[in-house]
Structures are given as structure tokens and as C-alpha cells.
All heavy atoms as atom14 arrays in JSON, in Angstrom:
{
  "sequence": "PDGAARYYCAGTGASKKNLIPKRDYAYESWGQGNQV",
  "atom14_mask": [
    [1, 1, 1, 1, 1, 1, 1, 0, 0, 0, 0, 0, 0, 0],
    [1, 1, 1, 1, 1, 1, 1, 1, 0, 0, 0, 0, 0, 0],
    [1, 1, 1, 1, 0, 0, 0, 0, 0, 0, 0, 0, 0, 0],
    [1, 1, 1, 1, 1, 0, 0, 0, 0, 0, 0, 0, 0, 0],
    [1, 1, 1, 1, 1, 0, 0, 0, 0, 0, 0, 0, 0, 0],
    [1, 1, 1, 1, 1, 1, 1, 1, 1, 1, 1, 0, 0, 0],
    [1, 1, 1, 1, 1, 1, 1, 1, 1, 1, 1, 1, 0, 0],
    [1, 1, 1, 1, 1, 1, 1, 1, 1, 1, 1, 1, 0, 0],
    [1, 1, 1, 1, 1, 1, 0, 0, 0, 0, 0, 0, 0, 0],
    [1, 1, 1, 1, 1, 0, 0, 0, 0, 0, 0, 0, 0, 0],
    [1, 1, 1, 1, 0, 0, 0, 0, 0, 0, 0, 0, 0, 0],
    [1, 1, 1, 1, 1, 1, 1, 0, 0, 0, 0, 0, 0, 0],
    [1, 1, 1, 1, 0, 0, 0, 0, 0, 0, 0, 0, 0, 0],
    [1, 1, 1, 1, 1, 0, 0, 0, 0, 0, 0, 0, 0, 0],
    [1, 1, 1, 1, 1, 1, 0, 0, 0, 0, 0, 0, 0, 0],
    [1, 1, 1, 1, 1, 1, 1, 1, 1, 0, 0, 0, 0, 0],
    [1, 1, 1, 1, 1, 1, 1, 1, 1, 0, 0, 0, 0, 0],
    [1, 1, 1, 1, 1, 1, 1, 1, 0, 0, 0, 0, 0, 0],
    [1, 1, 1, 1, 1, 1, 1, 1, 0, 0, 0, 0, 0, 0],
    [1, 1, 1, 1, 1, 1, 1, 1, 0, 0, 0, 0, 0, 0],
    [1, 1, 1, 1, 1, 1, 1, 0, 0, 0, 0, 0, 0, 0],
    [1, 1, 1, 1, 1, 1, 1, 1, 1, 0, 0, 0, 0, 0],
    [1, 1, 1, 1, 1, 1, 1, 1, 1, 1, 1, 0, 0, 0],
    [1, 1, 1, 1, 1, 1, 1, 1, 0, 0, 0, 0, 0, 0],
    [1, 1, 1, 1, 1, 1, 1, 1, 1, 1, 1, 1, 0, 0],
    [1, 1, 1, 1, 1, 0, 0, 0, 0, 0, 0, 0, 0, 0],
    [1, 1, 1, 1, 1, 1, 1, 1, 1, 1, 1, 1, 0, 0],
    [1, 1, 1, 1, 1, 1, 1, 1, 1, 0, 0, 0, 0, 0],
    [1, 1, 1, 1, 1, 1, 0, 0, 0, 0, 0, 0, 0, 0],
    [1, 1, 1, 1, 1, 1, 1, 1, 1, 1, 1, 1, 1, 1],
    [1, 1, 1, 1, 0, 0, 0, 0, 0, 0, 0, 0, 0, 0],
    [1, 1, 1, 1, 1, 1, 1, 1, 1, 0, 0, 0, 0, 0],
    [1, 1, 1, 1, 0, 0, 0, 0, 0, 0, 0, 0, 0, 0],
    [1, 1, 1, 1, 1, 1, 1, 1, 0, 0, 0, 0, 0, 0],
    [1, 1, 1, 1, 1, 1, 1, 1, 1, 0, 0, 0, 0, 0],
    [1, 1, 1, 1, 1, 1, 1, 0, 0, 0, 0, 0, 0, 0]
  ],
  "atom14_positions": [
    [[101.16, 74.51, 118.14], [101.48, 74.36, 119.53], [102.23, 75.47, 120.16], [102.05, 75.93, 121.27], [102.17, 73.06, 119.66], [101.77, 72.27, 118.53], [101.61, 73.19, 117.37], [0.0, 0.0, 0.0], [0.0, 0.0, 0.0], [0.0, 0.0, 0.0], [0.0, 0.0, 0.0], [0.0, 0.0, 0.0], [0.0, 0.0, 0.0], [0.0, 0.0, 0.0]],
    [[103.25, 76.11, 119.28], [103.93, 77.23, 119.92], [103.15, 78.52, 119.91], [103.66, 79.64, 120.23], [105.24, 77.4, 119.2], [105.03, 77.78, 117.71], [103.9, 77.91, 117.25], [106.1, 77.85, 117.05], [0.0, 0.0, 0.0], [0.0, 0.0, 0.0], [0.0, 0.0, 0.0], [0.0, 0.0, 0.0], [0.0, 0.0, 0.0], [0.0, 0.0, 0.0]],
    [[101.89, 78.42, 119.48], [101.03, 79.59, 119.44], [100.34, 79.76, 120.86], [99.62, 80.76, 121.13], [0.0, 0.0, 0.0], [0.0, 0.0, 0.0], [0.0, 0.0, 0.0], [0.0, 0.0, 0.0], [0.0, 0.0, 0.0], [0.0, 0.0, 0.0], [0.0, 0.0, 0.0], [0.0, 0.0, 0.0], [0.0, 0.0, 0.0], [0.0, 0.0, 0.0]],
    [[100.56, 78.86, 121.79], [99.92, 78.95, 123.16], [100.59, 80.2, 123.8], [101.81, 80.26, 123.99], [100.35, 77.69, 123.93], [0.0, 0.0, 0.0], [0.0, 0.0, 0.0], [0.0, 0.0, 0.0], [0.0, 0.0, 0.0], [0.0, 0.0, 0.0], [0.0, 0.0, 0.0], [0.0, 0.0, 0.0], [0.0, 0.0, 0.0], [0.0, 0.0, 0.0]],
    [[99.8, 81.04, 124.15], [100.28, 82.44, 124.78], [98.98, 83.18, 125.25], [97.92, 82.83, 125.13], [101.09, 83.23, 123.66], [0.0, 0.0, 0.0], [0.0, 0.0, 0.0], [0.0, 0.0, 0.0], [0.0, 0.0, 0.0], [0.0, 0.0, 0.0], [0.0, 0.0, 0.0], [0.0, 0.0, 0.0], [0.0, 0.0, 0.0], [0.0, 0.0, 0.0]],
    [[99.47, 84.38, 125.87], [98.46, 85.33, 126.16], [98.35, 86.46, 124.98], [99.38, 86.92, 124.63], [98.65, 86.04, 127.47], [97.46, 86.91, 127.99], [97.69, 87.16, 129.53], [96.56, 87.76, 130.0], [95.47, 87.21, 130.67], [95.51, 85.79, 130.65], [94.42, 87.78, 131.07], [0.0, 0.0, 0.0], [0.0, 0.0, 0.0], [0.0, 0.0, 0.0]],
    [[97.31, 86.62, 124.45], [97.08, 87.44, 123.27], [96.49, 88.85, 123.76], [95.54, 88.98, 124.44], [96.18, 86.78, 122.29], [96.9, 85.59, 121.54], [97.2, 84.45, 122.21], [97.15, 85.83, 120.23], [97.71, 83.47, 121.5], [97.74, 84.74, 119.5], [98.05, 83.57, 120.13], [98.66, 82.54, 119.5], [0.0, 0.0, 0.0], [0.0, 0.0, 0.0]],
    [[97.19, 89.92, 123.21], [96.74, 91.23, 123.6], [96.5, 92.09, 122.36], [97.07, 91.99, 121.29], [97.94, 92.02, 124.22], [98.43, 91.36, 125.54], [99.39, 90.3, 125.55], [97.85, 91.75, 126.77], [99.85, 89.81, 126.8], [98.21, 91.24, 127.9], [99.22, 90.22, 127.98], [99.68, 89.68, 129.09], [0.0, 0.0, 0.0], [0.0, 0.0, 0.0]],
    [[95.51, 92.9, 122.48], [95.29, 93.93, 121.38], [95.77, 95.25, 121.97], [95.73, 95.41, 123.14], [93.82, 94.01, 120.92], [92.62, 94.71, 122.17], [0.0, 0.0, 0.0], [0.0, 0.0, 0.0], [0.0, 0.0, 0.0], [0.0, 0.0, 0.0], [0.0, 0.0, 0.0], [0.0, 0.0, 0.0], [0.0, 0.0, 0.0], [0.0, 0.0, 0.0]],
    [[96.14, 96.12, 121.07], [96.78, 97.35, 121.47], [96.33, 98.44, 120.49], [95.94, 98.11, 119.28], [98.17, 97.25, 121.43], [0.0, 0.0, 0.0], [0.0, 0.0, 0.0], [0.0, 0.0, 0.0], [0.0, 0.0, 0.0], [0.0, 0.0, 0.0], [0.0, 0.0, 0.0], [0.0, 0.0, 0.0], [0.0, 0.0, 0.0], [0.0, 0.0, 0.0]],
    [[96.38, 99.61, 120.94], [95.93, 100.79, 120.1], [96.87, 101.93, 120.2], [97.45, 102.25, 121.33], [0.0, 0.0, 0.0], [0.0, 0.0, 0.0], [0.0, 0.0, 0.0], [0.0, 0.0, 0.0], [0.0, 0.0, 0.0], [0.0, 0.0, 0.0], [0.0, 0.0, 0.0], [0.0, 0.0, 0.0], [0.0, 0.0, 0.0], [0.0, 0.0, 0.0]],
    [[96.9, 102.6, 119.21], [97.64, 103.97, 119.18], [97.06, 104.88, 118.25], [96.54, 104.69, 117.23], [99.14, 103.7, 118.78], [99.83, 104.93, 118.96], [99.2, 103.28, 117.22], [0.0, 0.0, 0.0], [0.0, 0.0, 0.0], [0.0, 0.0, 0.0], [0.0, 0.0, 0.0], [0.0, 0.0, 0.0], [0.0, 0.0, 0.0], [0.0, 0.0, 0.0]],
    [[97.06, 106.31, 118.76], [96.49, 107.34, 118.03], [96.99, 107.39, 116.57], [98.24, 107.41, 116.38], [0.0, 0.0, 0.0], [0.0, 0.0, 0.0], [0.0, 0.0, 0.0], [0.0, 0.0, 0.0], [0.0, 0.0, 0.0], [0.0, 0.0, 0.0], [0.0, 0.0, 0.0], [0.0, 0.0, 0.0], [0.0, 0.0, 0.0], [0.0, 0.0, 0.0]],
    [[96.14, 107.42, 115.58], [96.55, 107.41, 114.17], [96.89, 108.71, 113.69], [96.06, 109.53, 113.35], [95.55, 106.73, 113.3], [0.0, 0.0, 0.0], [0.0, 0.0, 0.0], [0.0, 0.0, 0.0], [0.0, 0.0, 0.0], [0.0, 0.0, 0.0], [0.0, 0.0, 0.0], [0.0, 0.0, 0.0], [0.0, 0.0, 0.0], [0.0, 0.0, 0.0]],
    [[98.22, 109.06, 113.67], [98.56, 110.4, 113.14], [98.47, 110.45, 111.72], [98.55, 111.55, 111.03], [100.08, 110.72, 113.64], [101.01, 109.69, 113.27], [0.0, 0.0, 0.0], [0.0, 0.0, 0.0], [0.0, 0.0, 0.0], [0.0, 0.0, 0.0], [0.0, 0.0, 0.0], [0.0, 0.0, 0.0], [0.0, 0.0, 0.0], [0.0, 0.0, 0.0]],
    [[98.55, 109.36, 111.04], [98.37, 109.29, 109.57], [97.55, 108.03, 109.19], [97.6, 107.03, 109.99], [99.68, 109.37, 108.8], [100.7, 108.32, 109.25], [102.06, 108.59, 108.59], [103.03, 107.61, 109.06], [104.4, 107.84, 108.37], [0.0, 0.0, 0.0], [0.0, 0.0, 0.0], [0.0, 0.0, 0.0], [0.0, 0.0, 0.0], [0.0, 0.0, 0.0]],
    [[96.84, 108.06, 108.08], [95.98, 107.01, 107.74], [96.55, 105.68, 107.46], [95.9, 104.65, 107.63], [95.04, 107.45, 106.54], [95.77, 107.52, 105.32], [94.82, 107.83, 104.04], [95.53, 107.87, 102.73], [94.53, 108.29, 101.63], [0.0, 0.0, 0.0], [0.0, 0.0, 0.0], [0.0, 0.0, 0.0], [0.0, 0.0, 0.0], [0.0, 0.0, 0.0]],
    [[97.93, 105.71, 107.05], [98.52, 104.47, 106.78], [99.43, 103.94, 107.88], [100.29, 103.08, 107.77], [99.27, 104.54, 105.43], [100.37, 105.54, 105.47], [100.41, 106.39, 106.42], [101.33, 105.53, 104.66], [0.0, 0.0, 0.0], [0.0, 0.0, 0.0], [0.0, 0.0, 0.0], [0.0, 0.0, 0.0], [0.0, 0.0, 0.0], [0.0, 0.0, 0.0]],
    [[99.19, 104.44, 109.13], [100.0, 104.12, 110.25], [99.77, 102.63, 110.55], [98.63, 102.17, 110.9], [99.74, 104.98, 111.44], [100.58, 104.79, 112.76], [102.05, 105.02, 112.39], [100.05, 105.46, 113.85], [0.0, 0.0, 0.0], [0.0, 0.0, 0.0], [0.0, 0.0, 0.0], [0.0, 0.0, 0.0], [0.0, 0.0, 0.0], [0.0, 0.0, 0.0]],
    [[100.85, 101.75, 110.54], [100.67, 100.44, 110.95], [101.87, 99.9, 111.67], [102.73, 99.09, 111.2], [100.4, 99.5, 109.7], [101.27, 99.74, 108.51], [99.02, 99.57, 109.32], [101.24, 98.76, 107.42], [0.0, 0.0, 0.0], [0.0, 0.0, 0.0], [0.0, 0.0, 0.0], [0.0, 0.0, 0.0], [0.0, 0.0, 0.0], [0.0, 0.0, 0.0]],
    [[102.12, 100.3, 112.92], [103.27, 100.13, 113.74], [103.25, 98.63, 114.08], [102.34, 97.98, 114.38], [103.17, 101.01, 114.87], [101.77, 101.34, 115.04], [101.12, 101.2, 113.71], [0.0, 0.0, 0.0], [0.0, 0.0, 0.0], [0.0, 0.0, 0.0], [0.0, 0.0, 0.0], [0.0, 0.0, 0.0], [0.0, 0.0, 0.0], [0.0, 0.0, 0.0]],
    [[104.38, 98.04, 114.16], [104.68, 96.66, 114.63], [105.5, 96.63, 115.9], [105.69, 95.43, 116.49], [105.29, 95.82, 113.46], [106.59, 96.08, 113.15], [107.07, 94.96, 112.16], [108.54, 95.14, 111.76], [109.03, 94.2, 110.75], [0.0, 0.0, 0.0], [0.0, 0.0, 0.0], [0.0, 0.0, 0.0], [0.0, 0.0, 0.0], [0.0, 0.0, 0.0]],
    [[106.05, 97.72, 116.4], [106.73, 97.74, 117.67], [105.84, 98.01, 118.8], [105.0, 98.89, 118.82], [107.86, 98.83, 117.62], [108.74, 98.86, 116.48], [109.56, 97.7, 116.47], [110.49, 97.44, 115.33], [111.37, 96.54, 115.15], [111.3, 95.4, 115.88], [112.23, 96.52, 114.02], [0.0, 0.0, 0.0], [0.0, 0.0, 0.0], [0.0, 0.0, 0.0]],
    [[105.93, 97.26, 119.92], [105.05, 97.4, 121.03], [105.09, 98.64, 121.6], [104.06, 99.27, 122.17], [105.18, 96.22, 122.04], [106.52, 96.13, 122.64], [107.42, 96.96, 122.16], [106.71, 95.16, 123.36], [0.0, 0.0, 0.0], [0.0, 0.0, 0.0], [0.0, 0.0, 0.0], [0.0, 0.0, 0.0], [0.0, 0.0, 0.0], [0.0, 0.0, 0.0]],
    [[106.34, 99.33, 121.66], [106.34, 100.66, 122.25], [105.59, 101.78, 121.49], [105.5, 102.86, 122.02], [107.86, 100.96, 122.51], [108.8, 101.04, 121.21], [108.54, 102.04, 120.33], [109.72, 100.03, 121.02], [109.34, 101.96, 119.07], [110.45, 100.03, 119.83], [110.36, 100.88, 118.92], [111.14, 100.94, 117.79], [0.0, 0.0, 0.0], [0.0, 0.0, 0.0]],
    [[105.19, 101.49, 120.32], [104.49, 102.49, 119.57], [103.0, 102.55, 119.98], [102.25, 103.51, 119.67], [104.5, 102.14, 118.05], [0.0, 0.0, 0.0], [0.0, 0.0, 0.0], [0.0, 0.0, 0.0], [0.0, 0.0, 0.0], [0.0, 0.0, 0.0], [0.0, 0.0, 0.0], [0.0, 0.0, 0.0], [0.0, 0.0, 0.0], [0.0, 0.0, 0.0]],
    [[102.61, 101.62, 120.81], [101.21, 101.53, 121.22], [101.1, 102.1, 122.73], [101.75, 101.63, 123.56], [100.67, 100.19, 121.19], [100.56, 99.54, 119.72], [101.59, 99.05, 119.1], [99.35, 99.75, 119.14], [101.48, 98.62, 117.84], [99.16, 99.26, 117.81], [100.29, 98.76, 117.15], [100.23, 98.25, 115.81], [0.0, 0.0, 0.0], [0.0, 0.0, 0.0]],
    [[100.05, 102.9, 122.92], [99.99, 103.44, 124.31], [98.77, 102.94, 125.01], [98.55, 102.97, 126.31], [99.64, 105.0, 124.2], [98.4, 105.43, 123.58], [98.53, 105.88, 122.08], [99.49, 105.58, 121.49], [97.65, 106.57, 121.59], [0.0, 0.0, 0.0], [0.0, 0.0, 0.0], [0.0, 0.0, 0.0], [0.0, 0.0, 0.0], [0.0, 0.0, 0.0]],
    [[97.78, 102.13, 124.43], [96.73, 101.43, 125.13], [96.73, 99.96, 124.88], [96.99, 99.5, 123.82], [95.44, 102.03, 124.57], [95.26, 103.42, 124.79], [0.0, 0.0, 0.0], [0.0, 0.0, 0.0], [0.0, 0.0, 0.0], [0.0, 0.0, 0.0], [0.0, 0.0, 0.0], [0.0, 0.0, 0.0], [0.0, 0.0, 0.0], [0.0, 0.0, 0.0]],
    [[96.5, 99.23, 125.92], [96.57, 97.78, 125.92], [95.35, 97.18, 126.56], [94.84, 97.68, 127.6], [97.75, 97.26, 126.49], [99.08, 97.55, 125.8], [99.71, 98.84, 125.76], [99.92, 96.77, 124.78], [100.75, 98.76, 124.88], [100.87, 97.56, 124.39], [99.58, 95.45, 124.36], [101.67, 96.97, 123.43], [100.52, 94.95, 123.44], [101.47, 95.53, 122.94]],
    [[94.79, 96.05, 126.04], [93.83, 95.21, 126.7], [94.57, 94.49, 127.82], [95.75, 94.4, 128.05], [0.0, 0.0, 0.0], [0.0, 0.0, 0.0], [0.0, 0.0, 0.0], [0.0, 0.0, 0.0], [0.0, 0.0, 0.0], [0.0, 0.0, 0.0], [0.0, 0.0, 0.0], [0.0, 0.0, 0.0], [0.0, 0.0, 0.0], [0.0, 0.0, 0.0]],
    [[93.75, 93.7, 128.52], [94.2, 92.81, 129.73], [94.76, 91.45, 129.15], [95.47, 90.76, 129.91], [93.07, 92.7, 130.64], [92.07, 91.53, 130.3], [91.1, 91.87, 129.22], [91.06, 92.95, 128.77], [90.35, 90.82, 128.73], [0.0, 0.0, 0.0], [0.0, 0.0, 0.0], [0.0, 0.0, 0.0], [0.0, 0.0, 0.0], [0.0, 0.0, 0.0]],
    [[94.48, 91.2, 127.9], [94.93, 89.81, 127.39], [94.0, 88.8, 127.47], [93.04, 88.77, 128.37], [0.0, 0.0, 0.0], [0.0, 0.0, 0.0], [0.0, 0.0, 0.0], [0.0, 0.0, 0.0], [0.0, 0.0, 0.0], [0.0, 0.0, 0.0], [0.0, 0.0, 0.0], [0.0, 0.0, 0.0], [0.0, 0.0, 0.0], [0.0, 0.0, 0.0]],
    [[94.08, 87.85, 126.72], [93.17, 86.64, 126.63], [94.13, 85.42, 126.39], [94.94, 85.3, 125.51], [92.22, 86.76, 125.47], [90.83, 86.39, 125.96], [90.17, 85.65, 125.28], [90.39, 86.93, 126.98], [0.0, 0.0, 0.0], [0.0, 0.0, 0.0], [0.0, 0.0, 0.0], [0.0, 0.0, 0.0], [0.0, 0.0, 0.0], [0.0, 0.0, 0.0]],
    [[93.89, 84.49, 127.3], [94.81, 83.28, 127.27], [94.26, 82.3, 126.2], [93.13, 82.01, 126.12], [94.84, 82.58, 128.57], [95.96, 81.61, 128.84], [97.24, 82.31, 129.02], [97.23, 83.51, 129.63], [98.25, 81.76, 128.62], [0.0, 0.0, 0.0], [0.0, 0.0, 0.0], [0.0, 0.0, 0.0], [0.0, 0.0, 0.0], [0.0, 0.0, 0.0]],
    [[95.23, 81.86, 125.47], [94.84, 80.79, 124.39], [95.83, 79.62, 124.51], [97.0, 79.6, 124.14], [95.07, 81.41, 122.93], [94.74, 80.35, 121.94], [94.17, 82.64, 122.77], [0.0, 0.0, 0.0], [0.0, 0.0, 0.0], [0.0, 0.0, 0.0], [0.0, 0.0, 0.0], [0.0, 0.0, 0.0], [0.0, 0.0, 0.0], [0.0, 0.0, 0.0]]
  ]
}
């Protein structure tokens, strides 16, 4: 039940192949979100 939220995907240019950022400020592109 606490998963109810607006879900977003985000993208950031991969400067290296193992880049896997978890901070939102690391991402420069965002979708509009989808309500769940």
C-alpha cells in the first residue's frame, strides 16, 4: 500500500559503462511520471 505514488523514469549520459547513479540530481532527463 505504501507503494502508491507517481513513478518516474530518468536518464543520464553514461560517462562510463558501469554508471548506476541512485541520486536524483545525477539525472538530467525525466519523464512526466505515471500514477500508480
